[in-house]
Amino acid sequence: MEMVVWIGAALSVIGLIGIGYSVVMVTRAKRANLSDADMRARLAKVLPINLGALGVSVLGLMTVAVGIMLG
């Protein structure tokens, strides 16, 4: 079950990298002083990446918990 824990940890790290990428993209958009419509368009592009990364991170944490319980 140790392998399941490591796979879950890797998924969590991938998710955290995606969340960090989302934060960087939103920060760049805020600094660009865009109009309201352009800001909404940029945030609409970042939102699916953020939600996907959050999902991968949660899946990884659940995998780690399962691996710990079974091991």
PDB file of N, CA and C in Angstrom:
ATOM      1  N   MET A   1       0.802  -1.195   0.000  1.00  0.00           N
ATOM      2  CA  MET A   1       0.000   0.000   0.000  1.00  0.00           C
ATOM      3  C   MET A   1       0.854   1.272   0.000  1.00  0.00           C
ATOM      4  N   GLU A   2       2.128   1.099   0.205  1.00  0.00           N
ATOM      5  CA  GLU A   2       3.015   2.257   0.188  1.00  0.00           C
ATOM      6  C   GLU A   2       2.990   2.944  -1.178  1.00  0.00           C
ATOM      7  N   MET A   3       2.845   2.134  -2.223  1.00  0.00           N
ATOM      8  CA  MET A   3       2.806   2.699  -3.576  1.00  0.00           C
ATOM      9  C   MET A   3       1.568   3.575  -3.765  1.00  0.00           C
ATOM     10  N   VAL A   4       0.445   3.189  -3.177  1.00  0.00           N
ATOM     11  CA  VAL A   4      -0.781   3.978  -3.285  1.00  0.00           C
ATOM     12  C   VAL A   4      -0.588   5.345  -2.630  1.00  0.00           C
ATOM     13  N   VAL A   5       0.106   5.367  -1.515  1.00  0.00           N
ATOM     14  CA  VAL A   5       0.372   6.624  -0.820  1.00  0.00           C
ATOM     15  C   VAL A   5       1.236   7.531  -1.696  1.00  0.00           C
ATOM     16  N   TRP A   6       2.262   6.965  -2.315  1.00  0.00           N
ATOM     17  CA  TRP A   6       3.146   7.773  -3.170  1.00  0.00           C
ATOM     18  C   TRP A   6       2.422   8.281  -4.418  1.00  0.00           C
ATOM     19  N   ILE A   7       1.560   7.460  -4.978  1.00  0.00           N
ATOM     20  CA  ILE A   7       0.771   7.909  -6.136  1.00  0.00           C
ATOM     21  C   ILE A   7      -0.149   9.055  -5.722  1.00  0.00           C
ATOM     22  N   GLY A   8      -0.786   8.923  -4.580  1.00  0.00           N
ATOM     23  CA  GLY A   8      -1.647   9.988  -4.070  1.00  0.00           C
ATOM     24  C   GLY A   8      -0.878  11.269  -3.791  1.00  0.00           C
ATOM     25  N   ALA A   9       0.332  11.118  -3.245  1.00  0.00           N
ATOM     26  CA  ALA A   9       1.157  12.297  -2.984  1.00  0.00           C
ATOM     27  C   ALA A   9       1.538  12.994  -4.290  1.00  0.00           C
ATOM     28  N   ALA A  10       1.847  12.208  -5.314  1.00  0.00           N
ATOM     29  CA  ALA A  10       2.190  12.785  -6.615  1.00  0.00           C
ATOM     30  C   ALA A  10       0.994  13.523  -7.215  1.00  0.00           C
ATOM     31  N   LEU A  11      -0.191  12.942  -7.099  1.00  0.00           N
ATOM     32  CA  LEU A  11      -1.392  13.615  -7.594  1.00  0.00           C
ATOM     33  C   LEU A  11      -1.627  14.923  -6.849  1.00  0.00           C
ATOM     34  N   SER A  12      -1.416  14.909  -5.559  1.00  0.00           N
ATOM     35  CA  SER A  12      -1.605  16.131  -4.769  1.00  0.00           C
ATOM     36  C   SER A  12      -0.627  17.223  -5.197  1.00  0.00           C
ATOM     37  N   VAL A  13       0.603  16.834  -5.446  1.00  0.00           N
ATOM     38  CA  VAL A  13       1.605  17.814  -5.879  1.00  0.00           C
ATOM     39  C   VAL A  13       1.244  18.376  -7.253  1.00  0.00           C
ATOM     40  N   ILE A  14       0.794  17.523  -8.157  1.00  0.00           N
ATOM     41  CA  ILE A  14       0.368  17.994  -9.484  1.00  0.00           C
ATOM     42  C   ILE A  14      -0.791  18.979  -9.340  1.00  0.00           C
ATOM     43  N   GLY A  15      -1.733  18.669  -8.465  1.00  0.00           N
ATOM     44  CA  GLY A  15      -2.853  19.577  -8.225  1.00  0.00           C
ATOM     45  C   GLY A  15      -2.401  20.906  -7.647  1.00  0.00           C
ATOM     46  N   LEU A  16      -1.457  20.866  -6.726  1.00  0.00           N
ATOM     47  CA  LEU A  16      -0.957  22.106  -6.134  1.00  0.00           C
ATOM     48  C   LEU A  16      -0.219  22.957  -7.158  1.00  0.00           C
ATOM     49  N   ILE A  17       0.492  22.307  -8.065  1.00  0.00           N
ATOM     50  CA  ILE A  17       1.168  23.051  -9.134  1.00  0.00           C
ATOM     51  C   ILE A  17       0.125  23.746 -10.019  1.00  0.00           C
ATOM     52  N   GLY A  18      -0.953  23.047 -10.320  1.00  0.00           N
ATOM     53  CA  GLY A  18      -2.024  23.648 -11.115  1.00  0.00           C
ATOM     54  C   GLY A  18      -2.684  24.812 -10.409  1.00  0.00           C
ATOM     55  N   ILE A  19      -2.897  24.684  -9.112  1.00  0.00           N
ATOM     56  CA  ILE A  19      -3.486  25.784  -8.341  1.00  0.00           C
ATOM     57  C   ILE A  19      -2.533  26.982  -8.318  1.00  0.00           C
ATOM     58  N   GLY A  20      -1.254  26.707  -8.159  1.00  0.00           N
ATOM     59  CA  GLY A  20      -0.257  27.789  -8.199  1.00  0.00           C
ATOM     60  C   GLY A  20      -0.246  28.488  -9.547  1.00  0.00           C
ATOM     61  N   TYR A  21      -0.367  27.717 -10.617  1.00  0.00           N
ATOM     62  CA  TYR A  21      -0.435  28.288 -11.962  1.00  0.00           C
ATOM     63  C   TYR A  21      -1.659  29.203 -12.086  1.00  0.00           C
ATOM     64  N   SER A  22      -2.777  28.771 -11.534  1.00  0.00           N
ATOM     65  CA  SER A  22      -3.997  29.585 -11.580  1.00  0.00           C
ATOM     66  C   SER A  22      -3.805  30.897 -10.831  1.00  0.00           C
ATOM     67  N   VAL A  23      -3.172  30.836  -9.690  1.00  0.00           N
ATOM     68  CA  VAL A  23      -2.927  32.044  -8.898  1.00  0.00           C
ATOM     69  C   VAL A  23      -2.045  33.015  -9.677  1.00  0.00           C
ATOM     70  N   VAL A  24      -1.010  32.488 -10.317  1.00  0.00           N
ATOM     71  CA  VAL A  24      -0.110  33.345 -11.094  1.00  0.00           C
ATOM     72  C   VAL A  24      -0.860  34.002 -12.256  1.00  0.00           C
ATOM     73  N   MET A  25      -1.697  33.237 -12.935  1.00  0.00           N
ATOM     74  CA  MET A  25      -2.432  33.785 -14.076  1.00  0.00           C
ATOM     75  C   MET A  25      -3.425  34.865 -13.638  1.00  0.00           C
ATOM     76  N   VAL A  26      -4.092  34.673 -12.524  1.00  0.00           N
ATOM     77  CA  VAL A  26      -5.034  35.681 -12.023  1.00  0.00           C
ATOM     78  C   VAL A  26      -4.283  36.932 -11.570  1.00  0.00           C
ATOM     79  N   THR A  27      -3.140  36.747 -10.933  1.00  0.00           N
ATOM     80  CA  THR A  27      -2.347  37.894 -10.500  1.00  0.00           C
ATOM     81  C   THR A  27      -1.872  38.708 -11.693  1.00  0.00           C
ATOM     82  N   ARG A  28      -1.430  38.027 -12.748  1.00  0.00           N
ATOM     83  CA  ARG A  28      -1.011  38.737 -13.961  1.00  0.00           C
ATOM     84  C   ARG A  28      -2.180  39.492 -14.585  1.00  0.00           C
ATOM     85  N   ALA A  29      -3.351  38.886 -14.558  1.00  0.00           N
ATOM     86  CA  ALA A  29      -4.525  39.551 -15.129  1.00  0.00           C
ATOM     87  C   ALA A  29      -4.885  40.803 -14.326  1.00  0.00           C
ATOM     88  N   LYS A  30      -4.765  40.719 -13.001  1.00  0.00           N
ATOM     89  CA  LYS A  30      -5.081  41.887 -12.173  1.00  0.00           C
ATOM     90  C   LYS A  30      -4.089  43.017 -12.405  1.00  0.00           C
ATOM     91  N   ARG A  31      -2.828  42.671 -12.581  1.00  0.00           N
ATOM     92  CA  ARG A  31      -1.803  43.698 -12.787  1.00  0.00           C
ATOM     93  C   ARG A  31      -1.888  44.336 -14.170  1.00  0.00           C
ATOM     94  N   ALA A  32      -2.550  43.684 -15.109  1.00  0.00           N
ATOM     95  CA  ALA A  32      -2.621  44.194 -16.476  1.00  0.00           C
ATOM     96  C   ALA A  32      -3.626  45.335 -16.622  1.00  0.00           C
ATOM     97  N   ASN A  33      -4.386  45.629 -15.579  1.00  0.00           N
ATOM     98  CA  ASN A  33      -5.397  46.706 -15.614  1.00  0.00           C
ATOM     99  C   ASN A  33      -6.310  46.578 -16.828  1.00  0.00           C
ATOM    100  N   LEU A  34      -6.922  45.438 -16.963  1.00  0.00           N
ATOM    101  CA  LEU A  34      -7.809  45.172 -18.093  1.00  0.00           C
ATOM    102  C   LEU A  34      -9.192  45.755 -17.844  1.00  0.00           C
ATOM    103  N   SER A  35      -9.942  45.884 -18.916  1.00  0.00           N
ATOM    104  CA  SER A  35     -11.333  46.308 -18.766  1.00  0.00           C
ATOM    105  C   SER A  35     -12.118  45.163 -18.120  1.00  0.00           C
ATOM    106  N   ASP A  36     -13.316  45.473 -17.693  1.00  0.00           N
ATOM    107  CA  ASP A  36     -14.133  44.477 -16.993  1.00  0.00           C
ATOM    108  C   ASP A  36     -14.408  43.251 -17.878  1.00  0.00           C
ATOM    109  N   ALA A  37     -14.714  43.490 -19.135  1.00  0.00           N
ATOM    110  CA  ALA A  37     -15.020  42.371 -20.041  1.00  0.00           C
ATOM    111  C   ALA A  37     -13.784  41.511 -20.300  1.00  0.00           C
ATOM    112  N   ASP A  38     -12.627  42.153 -20.472  1.00  0.00           N
ATOM    113  CA  ASP A  38     -11.394  41.390 -20.701  1.00  0.00           C
ATOM    114  C   ASP A  38     -11.002  40.595 -19.455  1.00  0.00           C
ATOM    115  N   MET A  39     -11.196  41.206 -18.286  1.00  0.00           N
ATOM    116  CA  MET A  39     -10.878  40.501 -17.037  1.00  0.00           C
ATOM    117  C   MET A  39     -11.768  39.277 -16.878  1.00  0.00           C
ATOM    118  N   ARG A  40     -13.046  39.420 -17.170  1.00  0.00           N
ATOM    119  CA  ARG A  40     -13.969  38.287 -17.074  1.00  0.00           C
ATOM    120  C   ARG A  40     -13.577  37.190 -18.056  1.00  0.00           C
ATOM    121  N   ALA A  41     -13.133  37.563 -19.243  1.00  0.00           N
ATOM    122  CA  ALA A  41     -12.723  36.572 -20.239  1.00  0.00           C
ATOM    123  C   ALA A  41     -11.484  35.803 -19.770  1.00  0.00           C
ATOM    124  N   ARG A  42     -10.529  36.516 -19.198  1.00  0.00           N
ATOM    125  CA  ARG A  42      -9.319  35.840 -18.696  1.00  0.00           C
ATOM    126  C   ARG A  42      -9.650  34.917 -17.531  1.00  0.00           C
ATOM    127  N   LEU A  43     -10.480  35.399 -16.619  1.00  0.00           N
ATOM    128  CA  LEU A  43     -10.840  34.575 -15.467  1.00  0.00           C
ATOM    129  C   LEU A  43     -11.667  33.364 -15.895  1.00  0.00           C
ATOM    130  N   ALA A  44     -12.456  33.520 -16.938  1.00  0.00           N
ATOM    131  CA  ALA A  44     -13.233  32.383 -17.443  1.00  0.00           C
ATOM    132  C   ALA A  44     -12.320  31.300 -18.013  1.00  0.00           C
ATOM    133  N   LYS A  45     -11.168  31.693 -18.539  1.00  0.00           N
ATOM    134  CA  LYS A  45     -10.207  30.707 -19.046  1.00  0.00           C
ATOM    135  C   LYS A  45      -9.464  30.006 -17.910  1.00  0.00           C
ATOM    136  N   VAL A  46      -9.237  30.723 -16.823  1.00  0.00           N
ATOM    137  CA  VAL A  46      -8.468  30.172 -15.704  1.00  0.00           C
ATOM    138  C   VAL A  46      -9.328  29.285 -14.809  1.00  0.00           C
ATOM    139  N   LEU A  47     -10.618  29.568 -14.732  1.00  0.00           N
ATOM    140  CA  LEU A  47     -11.501  28.843 -13.824  1.00  0.00           C
ATOM    141  C   LEU A  47     -11.495  27.321 -14.034  1.00  0.00           C
ATOM    142  N   PRO A  48     -11.613  26.804 -15.258  1.00  0.00           N
ATOM    143  CA  PRO A  48     -11.582  25.344 -15.411  1.00  0.00           C
ATOM    144  C   PRO A  48     -10.244  24.717 -14.995  1.00  0.00           C
ATOM    145  N   ILE A  49      -9.159  25.444 -15.224  1.00  0.00           N
ATOM    146  CA  ILE A  49      -7.847  24.948 -14.806  1.00  0.00           C
ATOM    147  C   ILE A  49      -7.798  24.861 -13.286  1.00  0.00           C
ATOM    148  N   ASN A  50      -8.307  25.895 -12.634  1.00  0.00           N
ATOM    149  CA  ASN A  50      -8.315  25.921 -11.172  1.00  0.00           C
ATOM    150  C   ASN A  50      -9.174  24.793 -10.602  1.00  0.00           C
ATOM    151  N   LEU A  51     -10.359  24.613 -11.147  1.00  0.00           N
ATOM    152  CA  LEU A  51     -11.238  23.562 -10.636  1.00  0.00           C
ATOM    153  C   LEU A  51     -10.671  22.173 -10.911  1.00  0.00           C
ATOM    154  N   GLY A  52     -10.079  21.985 -12.074  1.00  0.00           N
ATOM    155  CA  GLY A  52      -9.459  20.700 -12.388  1.00  0.00           C
ATOM    156  C   GLY A  52      -8.291  20.388 -11.461  1.00  0.00           C
ATOM    157  N   ALA A  53      -7.464  21.402 -11.212  1.00  0.00           N
ATOM    158  CA  ALA A  53      -6.329  21.216 -10.310  1.00  0.00           C
ATOM    159  C   ALA A  53      -6.800  20.921  -8.890  1.00  0.00           C
ATOM    160  N   LEU A  54      -7.844  21.591  -8.467  1.00  0.00           N
ATOM    161  CA  LEU A  54      -8.407  21.328  -7.138  1.00  0.00           C
ATOM    162  C   LEU A  54      -8.924  19.892  -7.057  1.00  0.00           C
ATOM    163  N   GLY A  55      -9.590  19.448  -8.109  1.00  0.00           N
ATOM    164  CA  GLY A  55     -10.090  18.074  -8.135  1.00  0.00           C
ATOM    165  C   GLY A  55      -8.976  17.044  -8.089  1.00  0.00           C
ATOM    166  N   VAL A  56      -7.912  17.285  -8.845  1.00  0.00           N
ATOM    167  CA  VAL A  56      -6.774  16.356  -8.841  1.00  0.00           C
ATOM    168  C   VAL A  56      -6.120  16.329  -7.463  1.00  0.00           C
ATOM    169  N   SER A  57      -6.000  17.481  -6.848  1.00  0.00           N
ATOM    170  CA  SER A  57      -5.405  17.554  -5.518  1.00  0.00           C
ATOM    171  C   SER A  57      -6.254  16.802  -4.485  1.00  0.00           C
ATOM    172  N   VAL A  58      -7.554  16.983  -4.540  1.00  0.00           N
ATOM    173  CA  VAL A  58      -8.452  16.277  -3.612  1.00  0.00           C
ATOM    174  C   VAL A  58      -8.392  14.776  -3.858  1.00  0.00           C
ATOM    175  N   LEU A  59      -8.373  14.381  -5.119  1.00  0.00           N
ATOM    176  CA  LEU A  59      -8.262  12.958  -5.442  1.00  0.00           C
ATOM    177  C   LEU A  59      -6.963  12.373  -4.890  1.00  0.00           C
ATOM    178  N   GLY A  60      -5.890  13.123  -5.010  1.00  0.00           N
ATOM    179  CA  GLY A  60      -4.614  12.675  -4.463  1.00  0.00           C
ATOM    180  C   GLY A  60      -4.650  12.530  -2.957  1.00  0.00           C
ATOM    181  N   LEU A  61      -5.256  13.493  -2.274  1.00  0.00           N
ATOM    182  CA  LEU A  61      -5.350  13.411  -0.815  1.00  0.00           C
ATOM    183  C   LEU A  61      -6.221  12.241  -0.375  1.00  0.00           C
ATOM    184  N   MET A  62      -7.293  11.977  -1.122  1.00  0.00           N
ATOM    185  CA  MET A  62      -8.138  10.820  -0.805  1.00  0.00           C
ATOM    186  C   MET A  62      -7.369   9.520  -1.034  1.00  0.00           C
ATOM    187  N   THR A  63      -6.556   9.471  -2.072  1.00  0.00           N
ATOM    188  CA  THR A  63      -5.751   8.280  -2.350  1.00  0.00           C
ATOM    189  C   THR A  63      -4.732   8.053  -1.232  1.00  0.00           C
ATOM    190  N   VAL A  64      -4.137   9.108  -0.747  1.00  0.00           N
ATOM    191  CA  VAL A  64      -3.211   8.981   0.371  1.00  0.00           C
ATOM    192  C   VAL A  64      -3.930   8.444   1.602  1.00  0.00           C
ATOM    193  N   ALA A  65      -5.116   8.976   1.880  1.00  0.00           N
ATOM    194  CA  ALA A  65      -5.873   8.499   3.045  1.00  0.00           C
ATOM    195  C   ALA A  65      -6.246   7.024   2.912  1.00  0.00           C
ATOM    196  N   VAL A  66      -6.666   6.613   1.725  1.00  0.00           N
ATOM    197  CA  VAL A  66      -7.002   5.208   1.507  1.00  0.00           C
ATOM    198  C   VAL A  66      -5.767   4.329   1.671  1.00  0.00           C
ATOM    199  N   GLY A  67      -4.648   4.771   1.121  1.00  0.00           N
ATOM    200  CA  GLY A  67      -3.418   4.013   1.251  1.00  0.00           C
ATOM    201  C   GLY A  67      -2.970   3.859   2.686  1.00  0.00           C
ATOM    202  N   ILE A  68      -3.150   4.911   3.488  1.00  0.00           N
ATOM    203  CA  ILE A  68      -2.797   4.835   4.907  1.00  0.00           C
ATOM    204  C   ILE A  68      -3.732   3.890   5.655  1.00  0.00           C
ATOM    205  N   MET A  69      -5.039   3.963   5.332  1.00  0.00           N
ATOM    206  CA  MET A  69      -5.990   3.098   6.021  1.00  0.00           C
ATOM    207  C   MET A  69      -5.769   1.620   5.678  1.00  0.00           C
ATOM    208  N   LEU A  70      -5.440   1.352   4.443  1.00  0.00           N
ATOM    209  CA  LEU A  70      -5.240  -0.039   4.033  1.00  0.00           C
ATOM    210  C   LEU A  70      -3.873  -0.581   4.434  1.00  0.00           C
ATOM    211  N   GLY A  71      -2.935   0.299   4.638  1.00  0.00           N
ATOM    212  CA  GLY A  71      -1.575  -0.137   4.930  1.00  0.00           C
ATOM    213  C   GLY A  71      -1.348  -0.255   6.383  1.00  0.00           C
TER     214      GLY A  71
END
